[in-house]
N, C-alpha and C. Protein backbone atom coordinates (compact mmCIF):
# COMPACT_ATOMS: atom_id res chain seq x y z
N MET A 1 141.67 113.53 102.67
CA MET A 1 141.72 113.84 101.26
C MET A 1 140.33 113.63 100.65
N THR A 2 139.89 114.59 99.89
CA THR A 2 138.60 114.51 99.23
C THR A 2 138.80 114.16 97.77
N VAL A 3 138.03 113.17 97.32
CA VAL A 3 138.09 112.75 95.93
C VAL A 3 136.70 112.96 95.34
N TYR A 4 136.64 113.67 94.23
CA TYR A 4 135.38 113.88 93.53
C TYR A 4 135.36 113.01 92.29
N GLU A 5 134.25 112.32 92.08
CA GLU A 5 134.11 111.44 90.93
C GLU A 5 132.72 111.70 90.34
N ASN A 6 132.67 112.10 89.09
CA ASN A 6 131.39 112.28 88.41
C ASN A 6 130.96 110.94 87.85
N LEU A 7 129.78 110.51 88.25
CA LEU A 7 129.26 109.23 87.80
C LEU A 7 128.01 109.43 86.97
N ASN A 8 127.89 108.64 85.94
CA ASN A 8 126.66 108.59 85.17
C ASN A 8 125.93 107.36 85.70
N PHE A 9 124.79 107.58 86.33
CA PHE A 9 124.09 106.48 86.99
C PHE A 9 123.51 105.46 86.01
N ASN A 10 123.54 105.75 84.74
CA ASN A 10 123.07 104.79 83.75
C ASN A 10 124.18 103.85 83.29
N ASP A 11 125.43 104.20 83.61
CA ASP A 11 126.57 103.37 83.22
C ASP A 11 126.96 102.43 84.36
N LYS A 12 127.53 101.29 84.00
CA LYS A 12 128.04 100.37 85.01
C LYS A 12 129.33 100.95 85.59
N LEU A 13 129.58 100.63 86.86
CA LEU A 13 130.82 101.07 87.50
C LEU A 13 132.00 100.34 86.91
N THR A 14 133.13 101.05 86.81
CA THR A 14 134.35 100.41 86.33
C THR A 14 134.98 99.62 87.48
N GLU A 15 135.92 98.77 87.17
CA GLU A 15 136.63 98.02 88.21
C GLU A 15 137.32 98.97 89.17
N GLU A 16 137.89 100.04 88.65
CA GLU A 16 138.58 101.04 89.48
C GLU A 16 137.60 101.71 90.45
N GLN A 17 136.42 102.04 89.96
CA GLN A 17 135.42 102.67 90.82
C GLN A 17 134.93 101.71 91.89
N ILE A 18 134.73 100.46 91.53
CA ILE A 18 134.31 99.45 92.51
C ILE A 18 135.38 99.29 93.58
N ALA A 19 136.65 99.23 93.17
CA ALA A 19 137.75 99.10 94.13
C ALA A 19 137.79 100.30 95.06
N MET A 20 137.58 101.51 94.53
CA MET A 20 137.59 102.71 95.35
C MET A 20 136.46 102.67 96.38
N LEU A 21 135.28 102.23 95.97
CA LEU A 21 134.16 102.14 96.90
C LEU A 21 134.41 101.09 97.97
N GLN A 22 135.01 99.97 97.61
CA GLN A 22 135.31 98.94 98.59
C GLN A 22 136.35 99.44 99.60
N GLU A 23 137.33 100.19 99.11
CA GLU A 23 138.35 100.76 100.00
C GLU A 23 137.72 101.75 100.98
N LEU A 24 136.81 102.57 100.47
CA LEU A 24 136.13 103.54 101.34
C LEU A 24 135.27 102.84 102.38
N GLU A 25 134.61 101.77 101.97
CA GLU A 25 133.74 101.04 102.88
C GLU A 25 134.55 100.45 104.04
N ALA A 26 135.78 100.03 103.76
CA ALA A 26 136.62 99.39 104.77
C ALA A 26 137.32 100.41 105.68
N SER A 27 137.39 101.68 105.26
CA SER A 27 138.11 102.66 106.07
C SER A 27 137.16 103.33 107.06
N PRO A 28 137.63 103.57 108.28
CA PRO A 28 136.76 104.18 109.30
C PRO A 28 136.59 105.67 109.04
N ALA A 29 135.50 106.20 109.51
CA ALA A 29 135.27 107.65 109.44
C ALA A 29 135.98 108.27 110.63
N VAL A 30 136.84 109.24 110.35
CA VAL A 30 137.62 109.88 111.41
C VAL A 30 137.23 111.35 111.49
N PRO A 31 136.62 111.76 112.61
CA PRO A 31 136.25 113.16 112.76
C PRO A 31 137.49 114.05 112.75
N ASP A 32 137.35 115.27 112.22
CA ASP A 32 138.43 116.25 112.26
C ASP A 32 137.82 117.62 112.50
N GLU A 33 138.64 118.67 112.42
CA GLU A 33 138.12 120.02 112.71
C GLU A 33 137.08 120.47 111.70
N ASP A 34 137.11 119.96 110.48
CA ASP A 34 136.11 120.31 109.47
C ASP A 34 134.81 119.55 109.65
N CYS A 35 134.89 118.40 110.28
CA CYS A 35 133.71 117.55 110.46
C CYS A 35 133.82 116.83 111.81
N PRO A 36 133.59 117.57 112.90
CA PRO A 36 133.74 116.96 114.23
C PRO A 36 132.60 116.00 114.55
N GLU A 37 132.81 115.21 115.59
CA GLU A 37 131.76 114.30 116.04
C GLU A 37 130.57 115.11 116.52
N LEU A 38 129.37 114.57 116.33
CA LEU A 38 128.17 115.25 116.78
C LEU A 38 128.03 115.13 118.29
N THR A 39 127.51 116.21 118.90
CA THR A 39 127.23 116.16 120.33
C THR A 39 125.90 115.46 120.54
N ASP A 40 125.63 115.08 121.79
CA ASP A 40 124.34 114.45 122.11
C ASP A 40 123.18 115.39 121.79
N GLU A 41 123.39 116.69 122.01
CA GLU A 41 122.36 117.69 121.71
C GLU A 41 122.08 117.75 120.20
N GLN A 42 123.14 117.72 119.39
CA GLN A 42 122.96 117.74 117.94
C GLN A 42 122.25 116.49 117.44
N ILE A 43 122.61 115.35 117.99
CA ILE A 43 121.96 114.09 117.61
C ILE A 43 120.48 114.14 117.96
N ALA A 44 120.17 114.69 119.14
CA ALA A 44 118.76 114.80 119.57
C ALA A 44 117.99 115.72 118.61
N LYS A 45 118.62 116.82 118.16
CA LYS A 45 117.96 117.73 117.22
C LYS A 45 117.72 117.05 115.88
N PHE A 46 118.70 116.27 115.42
CA PHE A 46 118.52 115.53 114.16
C PHE A 46 117.38 114.52 114.29
N ALA A 47 117.32 113.83 115.43
CA ALA A 47 116.25 112.85 115.65
C ALA A 47 114.89 113.54 115.65
N GLU A 48 114.82 114.71 116.27
CA GLU A 48 113.57 115.47 116.31
C GLU A 48 113.16 115.91 114.90
N ALA A 49 114.13 116.40 114.13
CA ALA A 49 113.84 116.83 112.76
C ALA A 49 113.41 115.65 111.90
N ALA A 50 114.03 114.49 112.09
CA ALA A 50 113.66 113.30 111.33
C ALA A 50 112.24 112.87 111.66
N GLU A 51 111.88 112.95 112.94
CA GLU A 51 110.52 112.57 113.34
C GLU A 51 109.50 113.54 112.75
N GLU A 52 109.82 114.83 112.77
CA GLU A 52 108.92 115.83 112.16
C GLU A 52 108.74 115.55 110.68
N ARG A 53 109.82 115.18 110.01
CA ARG A 53 109.75 114.87 108.58
C ARG A 53 108.88 113.64 108.33
N ARG A 54 109.06 112.61 109.17
CA ARG A 54 108.23 111.41 109.03
C ARG A 54 106.76 111.75 109.20
N GLN A 55 106.46 112.60 110.19
CA GLN A 55 105.07 112.99 110.42
C GLN A 55 104.52 113.77 109.24
N SER A 56 105.32 114.68 108.68
CA SER A 56 104.83 115.47 107.56
C SER A 56 104.60 114.60 106.33
N LEU A 57 105.43 113.57 106.16
CA LEU A 57 105.25 112.68 105.01
C LEU A 57 103.99 111.85 105.16
N GLN A 58 103.65 111.50 106.39
CA GLN A 58 102.44 110.70 106.62
C GLN A 58 101.18 111.52 106.40
N ASN A 59 101.29 112.82 106.51
CA ASN A 59 100.13 113.69 106.39
C ASN A 59 99.88 114.16 104.96
N LYS A 60 100.65 113.68 104.00
CA LYS A 60 100.45 114.12 102.62
C LYS A 60 99.12 113.60 102.08
N GLN A 61 98.55 114.38 101.19
CA GLN A 61 97.28 114.01 100.58
C GLN A 61 97.44 113.89 99.08
N THR A 62 96.68 113.01 98.49
CA THR A 62 96.70 112.82 97.05
C THR A 62 95.70 113.78 96.41
N VAL A 63 96.18 114.53 95.42
CA VAL A 63 95.31 115.45 94.69
C VAL A 63 95.62 115.32 93.20
N ALA A 64 94.70 115.78 92.39
CA ALA A 64 94.93 115.79 90.95
C ALA A 64 95.30 117.21 90.54
N VAL A 65 96.38 117.33 89.81
CA VAL A 65 96.84 118.63 89.32
C VAL A 65 97.04 118.52 87.82
N ARG A 66 96.55 119.50 87.09
CA ARG A 66 96.73 119.49 85.65
C ARG A 66 98.00 120.27 85.31
N LEU A 67 98.92 119.60 84.64
CA LEU A 67 100.19 120.21 84.25
C LEU A 67 100.27 120.29 82.74
N SER A 68 101.00 121.29 82.27
CA SER A 68 101.24 121.37 80.83
C SER A 68 102.14 120.20 80.43
N PRO A 69 102.10 119.80 79.16
CA PRO A 69 102.98 118.72 78.71
C PRO A 69 104.46 119.04 78.97
N GLN A 70 104.84 120.31 78.81
CA GLN A 70 106.24 120.69 79.03
C GLN A 70 106.62 120.54 80.50
N ALA A 71 105.74 120.98 81.40
CA ALA A 71 106.02 120.87 82.83
C ALA A 71 106.11 119.40 83.25
N LEU A 72 105.20 118.58 82.74
CA LEU A 72 105.22 117.16 83.09
C LEU A 72 106.48 116.47 82.57
N LYS A 73 106.88 116.82 81.35
CA LYS A 73 108.09 116.23 80.78
C LYS A 73 109.31 116.61 81.61
N LYS A 74 109.41 117.87 81.97
CA LYS A 74 110.54 118.35 82.78
C LYS A 74 110.54 117.67 84.15
N ALA A 75 109.37 117.56 84.76
CA ALA A 75 109.27 116.92 86.07
C ALA A 75 109.70 115.46 86.00
N LYS A 76 109.21 114.74 85.01
CA LYS A 76 109.57 113.33 84.88
C LYS A 76 111.04 113.13 84.56
N SER A 77 111.66 114.15 83.94
CA SER A 77 113.08 114.04 83.63
C SER A 77 113.94 114.04 84.89
N LEU A 78 113.34 114.43 86.01
CA LEU A 78 114.06 114.42 87.29
C LEU A 78 114.25 113.00 87.83
N GLY A 79 113.54 112.05 87.25
CA GLY A 79 113.69 110.65 87.64
C GLY A 79 112.76 110.26 88.78
N ASN A 80 113.04 109.09 89.36
CA ASN A 80 112.21 108.59 90.46
C ASN A 80 112.16 109.64 91.58
N GLY A 81 110.99 109.77 92.17
CA GLY A 81 110.83 110.73 93.25
C GLY A 81 110.50 112.13 92.78
N TYR A 82 110.16 112.28 91.50
CA TYR A 82 109.88 113.62 91.00
C TYR A 82 108.66 114.24 91.66
N ASN A 83 107.73 113.41 92.14
CA ASN A 83 106.56 113.95 92.85
C ASN A 83 106.99 114.68 94.12
N ALA A 84 107.93 114.11 94.85
CA ALA A 84 108.42 114.74 96.07
C ALA A 84 109.14 116.05 95.74
N VAL A 85 109.89 116.06 94.64
CA VAL A 85 110.59 117.28 94.23
C VAL A 85 109.56 118.35 93.87
N LEU A 86 108.53 117.98 93.12
CA LEU A 86 107.48 118.94 92.77
C LEU A 86 106.80 119.48 94.02
N SER A 87 106.58 118.63 95.00
CA SER A 87 105.96 119.06 96.25
C SER A 87 106.82 120.10 96.96
N ARG A 88 108.13 119.86 97.03
CA ARG A 88 109.03 120.82 97.68
C ARG A 88 109.09 122.13 96.90
N ILE A 89 109.10 122.06 95.58
CA ILE A 89 109.11 123.28 94.76
C ILE A 89 107.83 124.08 95.01
N LEU A 90 106.70 123.39 95.03
CA LEU A 90 105.43 124.06 95.26
C LEU A 90 105.37 124.69 96.65
N GLU A 91 105.86 123.97 97.67
CA GLU A 91 105.89 124.51 99.03
C GLU A 91 106.74 125.78 99.08
N ALA A 92 107.91 125.75 98.44
CA ALA A 92 108.80 126.91 98.43
C ALA A 92 108.15 128.09 97.71
N ALA A 93 107.51 127.81 96.58
CA ALA A 93 106.87 128.88 95.81
C ALA A 93 105.71 129.49 96.60
N LEU A 94 104.93 128.66 97.27
CA LEU A 94 103.79 129.16 98.02
C LEU A 94 104.20 129.89 99.30
N ALA A 95 105.42 129.66 99.76
CA ALA A 95 105.92 130.37 100.94
C ALA A 95 106.44 131.76 100.57
N ASP A 96 106.59 132.03 99.28
CA ASP A 96 107.13 133.31 98.82
C ASP A 96 106.01 134.15 98.24
N ASN A 97 105.62 135.20 98.98
CA ASN A 97 104.51 136.04 98.54
C ASN A 97 104.77 136.71 97.20
N GLU A 98 106.01 137.08 96.91
CA GLU A 98 106.32 137.71 95.63
C GLU A 98 106.07 136.74 94.47
N THR A 99 106.41 135.49 94.65
CA THR A 99 106.16 134.49 93.60
C THR A 99 104.66 134.34 93.39
N ILE A 100 103.92 134.28 94.46
CA ILE A 100 102.47 134.14 94.35
C ILE A 100 101.89 135.34 93.60
N LYS A 101 102.28 136.56 93.99
CA LYS A 101 101.77 137.76 93.33
C LYS A 101 102.12 137.77 91.85
N HIS A 102 103.32 137.30 91.52
CA HIS A 102 103.77 137.29 90.13
C HIS A 102 102.86 136.46 89.24
N TYR A 103 102.35 135.34 89.76
CA TYR A 103 101.57 134.42 88.94
C TYR A 103 100.07 134.56 89.09
N LEU A 104 99.61 135.52 89.90
CA LEU A 104 98.16 135.72 90.03
C LEU A 104 97.62 136.51 88.87
């Protein structure tokens, strides 16, 4: 059974929400046809992808970029980690030749 709960991260959890989380923590994860157990090959691929990600994060460089006040406000509204989000947005935009042509 799937339960969806919309949480506002600025609000404290209710007693009911805390109880639900504790119940989930105590229950085992049971694979089924929608979410089967991973094979050794899949685990190896995930480990490889994680290592590639770690390497790419270590290779990041610090640069200064001038942003408009509106862009900076919007970026900061994304919360902690907004620099990483901006980096992924920039990578995606630069990978798309049509986007590049549009803004040249």
